[in-house]
Structures are given as structure tokens and as C-alpha cells.
Amino acid sequence: MELNTKDLMDSIVKNISSIEHIKPKEIPDIELYMDQVTTLINSRLGTFRHFGNDKPLTKTMINNYAKNNLLPSPNRKKYSKDHILTLIFIYYFKNIVSINEIRKILDPVTKKFFGQKQDLQLEEIYQSVFSIKPDLQRALEHDIAEKLQLSQASVKKLKHIQSDDEEFLQAFTLICTLAIDIYMKKIIIEQLIDSVSDSFKK
């Protein structure tokens, strides 16, 4: 099967754009047992997982998050809406930064807003974060198109390239470009976390 990098990327970006985050109204206001929590999150976040049957969330993960102080302890083995919102934040962080860094960024949030009955609650912060998602998806489409053009232009500059290799090398260059971009953004995230954590401690 002939590789067409542009068509493949268009399909991937379209799939990503169809991914819906878990909305707070989908989370019951009553406390849930661990099995109910994993079922809720896995049913929504497991659709686009790359690693086959691997689940986004397991009982072991939840126990480890609590043991490592990423997640406040449950109330008599039951988890509140704020527990679930925190687990969703952890899900998005865990493939990018370390457990220690997740703790650094979540600690100020959970200490001030978790389970609090005040004007600004964790649910509102969660909604604010994910309200940006449509804009991020549009920016992603533009960014991928631009990186694809850069990759194609870069490969065309190669001397002695055979036509049979061109499409593969375009895909390879695009993968490298995306990986370098992720690497640089990861450094930004890590340094931001350190700065925020240091500021919170003062």
C-alpha cells in the first residue's frame, strides 16, 4: 500500500478533532466506588488509545496516585466528582511529565480547591481549562499543515533521493519534526511547573 502522508495526517487530525473530553455534567454528583470510577473514565478516554487493550485508568493506578499524594484519599472507599476531575488532569499529564512534576502542579490546586465549597471550585477550573479545546484543535490543524509543508520542502532538498523513498522520508521527517516540537514544549512545561511550585512554597 502506497503511503500518502498528507492523507494520513488529514485522517489523524480529523479523528483527534472528534475526541470529546469528559464534561462535568457527565460525572455523577454522588460518590462512586473505584470500579465505577474506572468504568466511567475508561469508557470515555480509552477510545483512541494506541496500545491495544491498555486502559487509561486501573485500580492500581488510582492506588498509586493516592500513595504518591497526587490524589486526595477517598472517603470510605468512595470517590467524589473532584476526585474524578483530578484523575482526568493526571491522565493528560502522565504521558508528558513525571509523577513528581504532576504532584508539584496539582498540589496547590488540590490544597486550595479540592472539595471546597467556595465561590471558585475545582469544577469551574476544569471547565475553564477545557473551554480552550476547540481553539487548540483549530490551531493543531494549522500547525500540522505547516509542519507537513516544512517536512516536504526539507526532503525535496535532499540530493540523490530516489522517488521510491520520497514519501517515506517525508513521513519520517514529519515524525522527527513533531517529536522535536514535543520535546521543546515538554521543557517549557517542566520549567513552568518548577516556577509555579517554587512560587507556591513561598
N, C-alpha and C. Protein backbone atom coordinates (compact mmCIF):
# COMPACT_ATOMS: atom_id res chain seq x y z
N MET A 1 0.85 -1.20 0.00
CA MET A 1 0.00 0.00 0.00
C MET A 1 0.88 1.25 0.00
N GLU A 2 0.62 2.15 -0.93
CA GLU A 2 1.42 3.37 -1.05
C GLU A 2 1.08 4.34 0.08
N LEU A 3 2.13 4.90 0.66
CA LEU A 3 1.96 5.84 1.77
C LEU A 3 1.69 7.23 1.23
N ASN A 4 0.63 7.86 1.73
CA ASN A 4 0.35 9.25 1.40
C ASN A 4 0.29 10.01 2.71
N THR A 5 1.37 10.72 3.02
CA THR A 5 1.50 11.35 4.33
C THR A 5 0.41 12.38 4.57
N LYS A 6 0.10 13.17 3.55
CA LYS A 6 -0.92 14.23 3.73
C LYS A 6 -2.28 13.63 4.04
N ASP A 7 -2.69 12.62 3.28
CA ASP A 7 -3.99 11.98 3.53
C ASP A 7 -4.02 11.34 4.91
N LEU A 8 -2.91 10.71 5.28
CA LEU A 8 -2.84 10.07 6.60
C LEU A 8 -2.98 11.11 7.71
N MET A 9 -2.27 12.23 7.58
CA MET A 9 -2.34 13.27 8.61
C MET A 9 -3.72 13.91 8.67
N ASP A 10 -4.35 14.11 7.51
CA ASP A 10 -5.71 14.65 7.49
C ASP A 10 -6.66 13.73 8.26
N SER A 11 -6.50 12.42 8.07
CA SER A 11 -7.35 11.45 8.76
C SER A 11 -7.10 11.45 10.26
N ILE A 12 -5.82 11.51 10.65
CA ILE A 12 -5.47 11.51 12.08
C ILE A 12 -6.00 12.76 12.77
N VAL A 13 -5.79 13.92 12.14
CA VAL A 13 -6.24 15.19 12.73
C VAL A 13 -7.77 15.20 12.83
N LYS A 14 -8.44 14.65 11.83
CA LYS A 14 -9.91 14.57 11.88
C LYS A 14 -10.36 13.70 13.05
N ASN A 15 -9.68 12.58 13.27
CA ASN A 15 -10.01 11.72 14.41
C ASN A 15 -9.79 12.43 15.74
N ILE A 16 -8.66 13.15 15.83
CA ILE A 16 -8.36 13.88 17.06
C ILE A 16 -9.43 14.93 17.33
N SER A 17 -9.88 15.60 16.27
CA SER A 17 -10.89 16.65 16.43
C SER A 17 -12.22 16.10 16.93
N SER A 18 -12.44 14.81 16.72
CA SER A 18 -13.70 14.20 17.15
C SER A 18 -13.66 13.74 18.61
N ILE A 19 -12.48 13.81 19.23
CA ILE A 19 -12.35 13.37 20.62
C ILE A 19 -13.02 14.38 21.54
N GLU A 20 -13.91 13.92 22.36
CA GLU A 20 -14.61 14.79 23.32
C GLU A 20 -14.05 14.55 24.72
N HIS A 21 -13.81 15.63 25.44
CA HIS A 21 -13.38 15.48 26.83
C HIS A 21 -14.59 15.13 27.70
N ILE A 22 -14.31 14.64 28.89
CA ILE A 22 -15.39 14.31 29.82
C ILE A 22 -15.92 15.60 30.43
N LYS A 23 -17.19 15.85 30.24
CA LYS A 23 -17.80 17.06 30.77
C LYS A 23 -18.25 16.83 32.22
N PRO A 24 -18.15 17.85 33.06
CA PRO A 24 -18.55 17.68 34.47
C PRO A 24 -19.97 17.16 34.64
N LYS A 25 -20.87 17.54 33.74
CA LYS A 25 -22.26 17.09 33.87
C LYS A 25 -22.40 15.58 33.64
N GLU A 26 -21.38 14.96 33.02
CA GLU A 26 -21.39 13.51 32.82
C GLU A 26 -20.94 12.75 34.06
N ILE A 27 -20.38 13.48 35.01
CA ILE A 27 -19.89 12.86 36.25
C ILE A 27 -20.97 12.97 37.32
N PRO A 28 -21.40 11.86 37.88
CA PRO A 28 -22.46 11.92 38.91
C PRO A 28 -22.05 12.79 40.10
N ASP A 29 -23.02 13.44 40.69
CA ASP A 29 -22.76 14.26 41.88
C ASP A 29 -22.61 13.40 43.13
N ILE A 30 -22.98 12.14 43.03
CA ILE A 30 -22.81 11.23 44.17
C ILE A 30 -21.42 10.59 44.12
N GLU A 31 -20.93 10.14 45.26
CA GLU A 31 -19.62 9.50 45.31
C GLU A 31 -19.69 8.10 44.67
N LEU A 32 -18.59 7.71 44.03
CA LEU A 32 -18.54 6.43 43.32
C LEU A 32 -17.47 5.52 43.91
N TYR A 33 -17.71 4.22 43.78
CA TYR A 33 -16.67 3.25 44.15
C TYR A 33 -15.63 3.18 43.03
N MET A 34 -14.48 2.60 43.34
CA MET A 34 -13.36 2.59 42.40
C MET A 34 -13.73 1.95 41.06
N ASP A 35 -14.46 0.83 41.09
CA ASP A 35 -14.87 0.18 39.85
C ASP A 35 -15.70 1.11 38.98
N GLN A 36 -16.57 1.88 39.59
CA GLN A 36 -17.41 2.82 38.85
C GLN A 36 -16.58 3.95 38.26
N VAL A 37 -15.57 4.38 38.99
CA VAL A 37 -14.68 5.45 38.51
C VAL A 37 -13.90 4.98 37.28
N THR A 38 -13.29 3.80 37.36
CA THR A 38 -12.51 3.30 36.22
C THR A 38 -13.40 3.05 35.00
N THR A 39 -14.60 2.55 35.22
CA THR A 39 -15.53 2.32 34.11
C THR A 39 -15.89 3.63 33.43
N LEU A 40 -16.19 4.65 34.21
CA LEU A 40 -16.57 5.96 33.67
C LEU A 40 -15.44 6.55 32.83
N ILE A 41 -14.24 6.58 33.39
CA ILE A 41 -13.12 7.21 32.70
C ILE A 41 -12.66 6.38 31.50
N ASN A 42 -12.56 5.08 31.65
CA ASN A 42 -12.09 4.23 30.55
C ASN A 42 -13.06 4.21 29.37
N SER A 43 -14.35 4.33 29.66
CA SER A 43 -15.34 4.33 28.57
C SER A 43 -15.23 5.58 27.71
N ARG A 44 -14.71 6.66 28.28
CA ARG A 44 -14.63 7.92 27.55
C ARG A 44 -13.23 8.21 27.01
N LEU A 45 -12.20 7.82 27.75
CA LEU A 45 -10.84 8.18 27.35
C LEU A 45 -10.08 7.03 26.68
N GLY A 46 -10.68 5.85 26.63
CA GLY A 46 -9.97 4.70 26.08
C GLY A 46 -10.13 4.50 24.59
N THR A 47 -10.99 5.28 23.94
CA THR A 47 -11.33 5.05 22.53
C THR A 47 -10.14 5.17 21.60
N PHE A 48 -9.29 6.16 21.83
CA PHE A 48 -8.21 6.43 20.90
C PHE A 48 -6.84 6.00 21.44
N ARG A 49 -6.84 5.09 22.41
CA ARG A 49 -5.57 4.63 22.97
C ARG A 49 -4.78 3.86 21.91
N HIS A 50 -3.46 4.07 21.90
CA HIS A 50 -2.60 3.44 20.91
C HIS A 50 -2.25 2.01 21.27
N PHE A 51 -2.14 1.73 22.56
CA PHE A 51 -1.60 0.44 22.99
C PHE A 51 -2.70 -0.60 23.22
N GLY A 52 -3.43 -0.92 22.19
CA GLY A 52 -4.37 -2.02 22.22
C GLY A 52 -5.33 -2.01 23.39
N ASN A 53 -5.20 -3.03 24.25
CA ASN A 53 -6.13 -3.20 25.36
C ASN A 53 -5.72 -2.46 26.63
N ASP A 54 -4.61 -1.74 26.58
CA ASP A 54 -4.20 -0.96 27.76
C ASP A 54 -5.28 0.06 28.10
N LYS A 55 -5.60 0.14 29.38
CA LYS A 55 -6.66 1.06 29.80
C LYS A 55 -6.07 2.36 30.33
N PRO A 56 -6.77 3.48 30.10
CA PRO A 56 -6.29 4.76 30.61
C PRO A 56 -6.14 4.78 32.13
N LEU A 57 -7.02 4.02 32.81
CA LEU A 57 -7.02 4.06 34.27
C LEU A 57 -7.32 2.68 34.84
N THR A 58 -6.52 2.27 35.82
CA THR A 58 -6.74 1.00 36.51
C THR A 58 -6.80 1.25 38.02
N LYS A 59 -7.25 0.24 38.75
CA LYS A 59 -7.30 0.35 40.22
C LYS A 59 -5.89 0.58 40.78
N THR A 60 -4.92 -0.12 40.21
CA THR A 60 -3.53 0.04 40.67
C THR A 60 -3.06 1.48 40.50
N MET A 61 -3.39 2.06 39.36
CA MET A 61 -3.00 3.46 39.11
C MET A 61 -3.61 4.39 40.15
N ILE A 62 -4.90 4.22 40.42
CA ILE A 62 -5.57 5.08 41.40
C ILE A 62 -4.90 4.95 42.77
N ASN A 63 -4.62 3.72 43.17
CA ASN A 63 -3.95 3.50 44.46
C ASN A 63 -2.57 4.15 44.49
N ASN A 64 -1.84 4.05 43.38
CA ASN A 64 -0.51 4.66 43.31
C ASN A 64 -0.58 6.18 43.35
N TYR A 65 -1.58 6.74 42.69
CA TYR A 65 -1.74 8.20 42.70
C TYR A 65 -2.01 8.69 44.12
N ALA A 66 -2.84 7.95 44.84
CA ALA A 66 -3.14 8.33 46.23
C ALA A 66 -1.91 8.16 47.11
N LYS A 67 -1.18 7.06 46.89
CA LYS A 67 0.02 6.78 47.70
C LYS A 67 1.10 7.83 47.46
N ASN A 68 1.17 8.34 46.23
CA ASN A 68 2.18 9.35 45.88
C ASN A 68 1.68 10.78 46.06
N ASN A 69 0.53 10.91 46.72
CA ASN A 69 -0.03 12.23 47.06
C ASN A 69 -0.40 13.08 45.84
N LEU A 70 -0.76 12.42 44.75
CA LEU A 70 -1.30 13.14 43.60
C LEU A 70 -2.80 13.31 43.75
N LEU A 71 -3.41 12.37 44.44
CA LEU A 71 -4.86 12.32 44.58
C LEU A 71 -5.22 12.23 46.06
N PRO A 72 -6.09 13.12 46.54
CA PRO A 72 -6.53 13.01 47.94
C PRO A 72 -7.18 11.65 48.20
N SER A 73 -7.09 11.19 49.42
CA SER A 73 -7.65 9.88 49.78
C SER A 73 -9.17 9.87 49.61
N PRO A 74 -9.73 8.71 49.25
CA PRO A 74 -11.19 8.62 49.11
C PRO A 74 -11.87 8.67 50.47
N ASN A 75 -13.15 8.95 50.44
CA ASN A 75 -13.96 8.97 51.65
C ASN A 75 -14.65 7.62 51.81
N ARG A 76 -14.14 6.78 52.70
CA ARG A 76 -14.69 5.44 52.91
C ARG A 76 -14.77 4.65 51.59
N LYS A 77 -13.65 4.70 50.86
CA LYS A 77 -13.51 3.97 49.59
C LYS A 77 -14.39 4.53 48.47
N LYS A 78 -14.92 5.72 48.67
CA LYS A 78 -15.74 6.35 47.63
C LYS A 78 -15.06 7.62 47.13
N TYR A 79 -15.27 7.88 45.83
CA TYR A 79 -14.59 8.99 45.16
C TYR A 79 -15.61 10.03 44.70
N SER A 80 -15.30 11.28 44.98
CA SER A 80 -16.20 12.39 44.65
C SER A 80 -15.96 12.88 43.22
N LYS A 81 -16.77 13.83 42.79
CA LYS A 81 -16.58 14.45 41.47
C LYS A 81 -15.20 15.10 41.38
N ASP A 82 -14.76 15.73 42.46
CA ASP A 82 -13.43 16.36 42.45
C ASP A 82 -12.32 15.33 42.30
N HIS A 83 -12.50 14.14 42.88
CA HIS A 83 -11.54 13.06 42.66
C HIS A 83 -11.44 12.73 41.17
N ILE A 84 -12.58 12.61 40.53
CA ILE A 84 -12.61 12.23 39.12
C ILE A 84 -12.01 13.33 38.24
N LEU A 85 -12.31 14.57 38.54
CA LEU A 85 -11.72 15.68 37.78
C LEU A 85 -10.20 15.68 37.93
N THR A 86 -9.72 15.41 39.14
CA THR A 86 -8.28 15.35 39.38
C THR A 86 -7.64 14.19 38.62
N LEU A 87 -8.32 13.05 38.58
CA LEU A 87 -7.82 11.89 37.82
C LEU A 87 -7.72 12.20 36.34
N ILE A 88 -8.65 12.99 35.82
CA ILE A 88 -8.60 13.37 34.40
C ILE A 88 -7.40 14.27 34.13
N PHE A 89 -7.15 15.22 35.02
CA PHE A 89 -5.95 16.05 34.88
C PHE A 89 -4.69 15.17 34.88
N ILE A 90 -4.64 14.21 35.80
CA ILE A 90 -3.48 13.31 35.88
C ILE A 90 -3.32 12.54 34.57
N TYR A 91 -4.43 12.08 34.00
CA TYR A 91 -4.40 11.33 32.75
C TYR A 91 -3.68 12.12 31.65
N TYR A 92 -3.99 13.40 31.54
CA TYR A 92 -3.38 14.22 30.49
C TYR A 92 -1.92 14.55 30.80
N PHE A 93 -1.58 14.64 32.06
CA PHE A 93 -0.20 14.96 32.44
C PHE A 93 0.75 13.77 32.34
N LYS A 94 0.25 12.56 32.64
CA LYS A 94 1.15 11.44 32.97
C LYS A 94 2.02 10.97 31.80
N ASN A 95 1.59 11.19 30.57
CA ASN A 95 2.41 10.78 29.43
C ASN A 95 3.43 11.84 29.03
N ILE A 96 3.44 12.95 29.76
CA ILE A 96 4.31 14.07 29.39
C ILE A 96 5.34 14.36 30.47
N VAL A 97 4.90 14.37 31.71
CA VAL A 97 5.81 14.72 32.81
C VAL A 97 5.79 13.62 33.88
N SER A 98 6.76 13.69 34.78
CA SER A 98 6.93 12.66 35.80
C SER A 98 5.88 12.79 36.91
N ILE A 99 5.78 11.73 37.71
CA ILE A 99 4.88 11.74 38.86
C ILE A 99 5.22 12.89 39.80
N ASN A 100 6.49 13.12 40.02
CA ASN A 100 6.93 14.20 40.90
C ASN A 100 6.47 15.57 40.38
N GLU A 101 6.56 15.75 39.08
CA GLU A 101 6.15 17.03 38.48
C GLU A 101 4.62 17.19 38.51
N ILE A 102 3.91 16.09 38.32
CA ILE A 102 2.45 16.16 38.43
C ILE A 102 2.05 16.57 39.85
N ARG A 103 2.74 15.99 40.83
CA ARG A 103 2.46 16.35 42.22
C ARG A 103 2.71 17.85 42.45
N LYS A 104 3.79 18.35 41.90
CA LYS A 104 4.13 19.77 42.08
C LYS A 104 3.04 20.69 41.56
N ILE A 105 2.48 20.36 40.40
CA ILE A 105 1.50 21.27 39.80
C ILE A 105 0.10 21.06 40.37
N LEU A 106 -0.22 19.83 40.79
CA LEU A 106 -1.56 19.58 41.33
C LEU A 106 -1.69 19.93 42.80
N ASP A 107 -0.58 19.87 43.52
CA ASP A 107 -0.63 20.11 44.96
C ASP A 107 -1.27 21.46 45.32
N PRO A 108 -0.86 22.57 44.68
CA PRO A 108 -1.50 23.85 45.01
C PRO A 108 -2.99 23.86 44.67
N VAL A 109 -3.35 23.18 43.59
CA VAL A 109 -4.75 23.16 43.14
C VAL A 109 -5.62 22.36 44.11
N THR A 110 -5.16 21.15 44.46
CA THR A 110 -5.97 20.32 45.35
C THR A 110 -6.05 20.90 46.76
N LYS A 111 -4.95 21.50 47.22
CA LYS A 111 -4.96 22.08 48.56
C LYS A 111 -5.93 23.25 48.68
N LYS A 112 -6.05 24.01 47.61
CA LYS A 112 -6.89 25.22 47.69
C LYS A 112 -8.32 24.99 47.23
N PHE A 113 -8.52 24.08 46.25
CA PHE A 113 -9.84 23.99 45.63
C PHE A 113 -10.53 22.63 45.76
N PHE A 114 -9.80 21.57 46.11
CA PHE A 114 -10.40 20.23 46.16
C PHE A 114 -11.41 20.14 47.31
N GLY A 115 -12.65 19.79 46.96
CA GLY A 115 -13.68 19.57 47.96
C GLY A 115 -14.11 20.81 48.72
N GLN A 116 -13.75 21.98 48.20
CA GLN A 116 -14.08 23.22 48.90
C GLN A 116 -15.41 23.78 48.42
N LYS A 117 -16.21 24.26 49.33
CA LYS A 117 -17.49 24.89 48.99
C LYS A 117 -17.29 26.41 49.02
N GLN A 118 -16.60 26.90 48.01
CA GLN A 118 -16.33 28.33 47.92
C GLN A 118 -16.76 28.83 46.55
N ASP A 119 -16.58 30.13 46.32
CA ASP A 119 -17.04 30.71 45.06
C ASP A 119 -16.37 30.06 43.85
N LEU A 120 -15.06 29.87 43.92
CA LEU A 120 -14.33 29.22 42.83
C LEU A 120 -14.02 27.78 43.23
N GLN A 121 -14.58 26.83 42.47
CA GLN A 121 -14.41 25.42 42.78
C GLN A 121 -13.64 24.71 41.67
N LEU A 122 -13.19 23.50 41.97
CA LEU A 122 -12.38 22.74 41.02
C LEU A 122 -13.12 22.50 39.70
N GLU A 123 -14.41 22.26 39.79
CA GLU A 123 -15.20 22.01 38.57
C GLU A 123 -15.15 23.20 37.62
N GLU A 124 -15.21 24.41 38.16
CA GLU A 124 -15.17 25.61 37.31
C GLU A 124 -13.79 25.77 36.67
N ILE A 125 -12.74 25.44 37.41
CA ILE A 125 -11.38 25.50 36.86
C ILE A 125 -11.24 24.49 35.72
N TYR A 126 -11.76 23.29 35.93
CA TYR A 126 -11.73 22.24 34.90
C TYR A 126 -12.46 22.72 33.64
N GLN A 127 -13.64 23.29 33.81
CA GLN A 127 -14.40 23.79 32.66
C GLN A 127 -13.65 24.89 31.93
N SER A 128 -12.99 25.76 32.68
CA SER A 128 -12.22 26.84 32.09
C SER A 128 -11.07 26.30 31.24
N VAL A 129 -10.38 25.30 31.75
CA VAL A 129 -9.27 24.69 31.01
C VAL A 129 -9.75 24.10 29.70
N PHE A 130 -10.82 23.32 29.75
CA PHE A 130 -11.27 22.61 28.56
C PHE A 130 -12.11 23.47 27.61
N SER A 131 -12.46 24.67 28.04
CA SER A 131 -13.15 25.59 27.12
C SER A 131 -12.21 26.04 25.99
N ILE A 132 -10.90 25.89 26.21
CA ILE A 132 -9.90 26.29 25.21
C ILE A 132 -9.76 25.23 24.12
N LYS A 133 -10.26 24.03 24.36
CA LYS A 133 -10.02 22.89 23.47
C LYS A 133 -10.39 23.14 22.00
N PRO A 134 -11.55 23.72 21.68
CA PRO A 134 -11.86 23.97 20.26
C PRO A 134 -10.81 24.85 19.57
N ASP A 135 -10.33 25.87 20.28
CA ASP A 135 -9.28 26.73 19.71
C ASP A 135 -7.98 25.94 19.51
N LEU A 136 -7.68 25.06 20.45
CA LEU A 136 -6.47 24.24 20.32
C LEU A 136 -6.56 23.29 19.13
N GLN A 137 -7.75 22.76 18.89
CA GLN A 137 -7.93 21.85 17.76
C GLN A 137 -7.74 22.59 16.43
N ARG A 138 -8.27 23.81 16.34
CA ARG A 138 -8.08 24.59 15.11
C ARG A 138 -6.60 24.94 14.92
N ALA A 139 -5.94 25.29 16.01
CA ALA A 139 -4.51 25.60 15.94
C ALA A 139 -3.70 24.36 15.53
N LEU A 140 -4.13 23.19 16.01
CA LEU A 140 -3.45 21.94 15.67
C LEU A 140 -3.52 21.68 14.17
N GLU A 141 -4.68 21.88 13.57
CA GLU A 141 -4.85 21.66 12.13
C GLU A 141 -3.88 22.55 11.35
N HIS A 142 -3.79 23.82 11.74
CA HIS A 142 -2.88 24.75 11.06
C HIS A 142 -1.42 24.33 11.29
N ASP A 143 -1.10 23.94 12.51
CA ASP A 143 0.27 23.58 12.87
C ASP A 143 0.73 22.33 12.11
N ILE A 144 -0.14 21.33 12.02
CA ILE A 144 0.21 20.10 11.31
C ILE A 144 0.42 20.38 9.82
N ALA A 145 -0.46 21.19 9.24
CA ALA A 145 -0.33 21.54 7.82
C ALA A 145 1.00 22.25 7.57
N GLU A 146 1.37 23.15 8.47
CA GLU A 146 2.63 23.88 8.32
C GLU A 146 3.83 22.95 8.46
N LYS A 147 3.79 22.06 9.44
CA LYS A 147 4.90 21.12 9.64
C LYS A 147 5.02 20.14 8.47
N LEU A 148 3.89 19.76 7.90
CA LEU A 148 3.92 18.87 6.74
C LEU A 148 4.59 19.56 5.56
N GLN A 149 4.26 20.83 5.34
CA GLN A 149 4.89 21.59 4.26
C GLN A 149 6.40 21.72 4.48
N LEU A 150 6.79 22.00 5.72
CA LEU A 150 8.22 22.12 6.04
C LEU A 150 8.95 20.79 5.80
N SER A 151 8.29 19.69 6.18
CA SER A 151 8.90 18.37 6.00
C SER A 151 9.06 18.04 4.52
N GLN A 152 8.03 18.34 3.75
CA GLN A 152 8.10 18.08 2.31
C GLN A 152 9.20 18.90 1.65
N ALA A 153 9.29 20.18 2.05
CA ALA A 153 10.31 21.06 1.48
C ALA A 153 11.71 20.59 1.86
N SER A 154 11.85 20.12 3.10
CA SER A 154 13.15 19.65 3.57
C SER A 154 13.62 18.42 2.79
N VAL A 155 12.70 17.50 2.54
CA VAL A 155 13.05 16.27 1.82
C VAL A 155 13.40 16.57 0.36
N LYS A 156 12.71 17.52 -0.23
CA LYS A 156 12.97 17.87 -1.63
C LYS A 156 14.38 18.45 -1.82
N LYS A 157 14.97 18.95 -0.75
CA LYS A 157 16.33 19.50 -0.84
C LYS A 157 17.40 18.41 -0.82
N LEU A 158 17.00 17.18 -0.49
CA LEU A 158 17.97 16.09 -0.42
C LEU A 158 18.49 15.74 -1.82
N LYS A 159 19.78 15.58 -1.92
CA LYS A 159 20.38 15.18 -3.19
C LYS A 159 20.36 13.65 -3.30
N HIS A 160 20.26 13.18 -4.50
CA HIS A 160 20.34 11.75 -4.80
C HIS A 160 19.18 10.95 -4.21
N ILE A 161 18.09 11.61 -3.86
CA ILE A 161 16.94 10.88 -3.32
C ILE A 161 16.22 10.14 -4.44
N GLN A 162 15.83 8.92 -4.18
CA GLN A 162 15.07 8.15 -5.16
C GLN A 162 13.58 8.39 -4.95
N SER A 163 12.84 8.38 -6.02
CA SER A 163 11.41 8.68 -5.94
C SER A 163 10.67 7.70 -5.03
N ASP A 164 11.15 6.45 -4.97
CA ASP A 164 10.51 5.45 -4.12
C ASP A 164 10.65 5.79 -2.63
N ASP A 165 11.67 6.56 -2.30
CA ASP A 165 11.94 6.89 -0.90
C ASP A 165 11.31 8.20 -0.45
N GLU A 166 10.84 8.99 -1.38
CA GLU A 166 10.43 10.36 -1.05
C GLU A 166 9.28 10.41 -0.04
N GLU A 167 8.23 9.63 -0.27
CA GLU A 167 7.06 9.69 0.62
C GLU A 167 7.41 9.20 2.02
N PHE A 168 8.18 8.11 2.08
CA PHE A 168 8.59 7.61 3.40
C PHE A 168 9.43 8.64 4.15
N LEU A 169 10.38 9.26 3.46
CA LEU A 169 11.25 10.24 4.12
C LEU A 169 10.48 11.49 4.54
N GLN A 170 9.44 11.83 3.78
CA GLN A 170 8.58 12.94 4.21
C GLN A 170 7.89 12.59 5.53
N ALA A 171 7.38 11.36 5.61
CA ALA A 171 6.72 10.92 6.85
C ALA A 171 7.73 10.86 8.00
N PHE A 172 8.92 10.34 7.72
CA PHE A 172 9.97 10.25 8.75
C PHE A 172 10.35 11.64 9.24
N THR A 173 10.52 12.58 8.32
CA THR A 173 10.89 13.95 8.70
C THR A 173 9.78 14.61 9.50
N LEU A 174 8.54 14.36 9.12
CA LEU A 174 7.40 14.91 9.87
C LEU A 174 7.37 14.35 11.29
N ILE A 175 7.59 13.05 11.43
CA ILE A 175 7.62 12.43 12.77
C ILE A 175 8.72 13.06 13.62
N CYS A 176 9.90 13.24 13.03
CA CYS A 176 11.01 13.88 13.76
C CYS A 176 10.66 15.31 14.14
N THR A 177 10.03 16.03 13.22
CA THR A 177 9.64 17.42 13.48
C THR A 177 8.66 17.50 14.65
N LEU A 178 7.67 16.61 14.65
CA LEU A 178 6.69 16.57 15.74
C LEU A 178 7.36 16.19 17.06
N ALA A 179 8.30 15.24 17.01
CA ALA A 179 8.99 14.81 18.22
C ALA A 179 9.84 15.94 18.81
N ILE A 180 10.53 16.68 17.95
CA ILE A 180 11.34 17.82 18.42
C ILE A 180 10.44 18.88 19.03
N ASP A 181 9.29 19.12 18.39
CA ASP A 181 8.33 20.11 18.90
C ASP A 181 7.82 19.70 20.29
N ILE A 182 7.48 18.42 20.44
CA ILE A 182 7.01 17.91 21.74
C ILE A 182 8.12 18.03 22.78
N TYR A 183 9.34 17.71 22.38
CA TYR A 183 10.49 17.79 23.31
C TYR A 183 10.65 19.22 23.84
N MET A 184 10.58 20.20 22.94
CA MET A 184 10.74 21.60 23.36
C MET A 184 9.59 22.05 24.26
N LYS A 185 8.38 21.63 23.93
CA LYS A 185 7.22 22.01 24.75
C LYS A 185 7.28 21.32 26.12
N LYS A 186 7.82 20.11 26.14
CA LYS A 186 7.97 19.40 27.42
C LYS A 186 8.91 20.18 28.35
N ILE A 187 9.99 20.71 27.79
CA ILE A 187 10.92 21.52 28.59
C ILE A 187 10.22 22.75 29.14
N ILE A 188 9.41 23.39 28.30
CA ILE A 188 8.65 24.57 28.74
C ILE A 188 7.72 24.20 29.90
N ILE A 189 7.00 23.08 29.75
CA ILE A 189 6.07 22.62 30.80
C ILE A 189 6.82 22.36 32.10
N GLU A 190 7.95 21.66 32.01
CA GLU A 190 8.72 21.32 33.22
C GLU A 190 9.21 22.58 33.94
N GLN A 191 9.68 23.55 33.16
CA GLN A 191 10.19 24.78 33.78
C GLN A 191 9.06 25.62 34.36
N LEU A 192 7.92 25.62 33.71
CA LEU A 192 6.75 26.32 34.25
C LEU A 192 6.30 25.68 35.57
N ILE A 193 6.27 24.36 35.59
CA ILE A 193 5.88 23.65 36.81
C ILE A 193 6.82 23.99 37.96
N ASP A 194 8.12 23.99 37.68
CA ASP A 194 9.09 24.33 38.73
C ASP A 194 8.87 25.74 39.25
N SER A 195 8.61 26.67 38.34
CA SER A 195 8.40 28.07 38.74
C SER A 195 7.14 28.23 39.57
N VAL A 196 6.05 27.59 39.13
CA VAL A 196 4.78 27.67 39.85
C VAL A 196 4.91 27.02 41.22
N SER A 197 5.58 25.87 41.27
CA SER A 197 5.76 25.16 42.54
C SER A 197 6.58 25.98 43.52
N ASP A 198 7.67 26.58 43.03
CA ASP A 198 8.52 27.41 43.90
C ASP A 198 7.75 28.62 44.41
N SER A 199 6.92 29.21 43.55
CA SER A 199 6.13 30.37 43.94
C SER A 199 5.11 30.01 45.01
N PHE A 200 4.51 28.80 44.89
CA PHE A 200 3.50 28.36 45.85
C PHE A 200 4.11 28.12 47.23
N LYS A 201 5.37 27.67 47.26
CA LYS A 201 6.03 27.36 48.53
C LYS A 201 6.38 28.61 49.33
N LYS A 202 6.51 29.75 48.63
CA LYS A 202 6.94 30.99 49.31
C LYS A 202 5.84 31.57 50.19
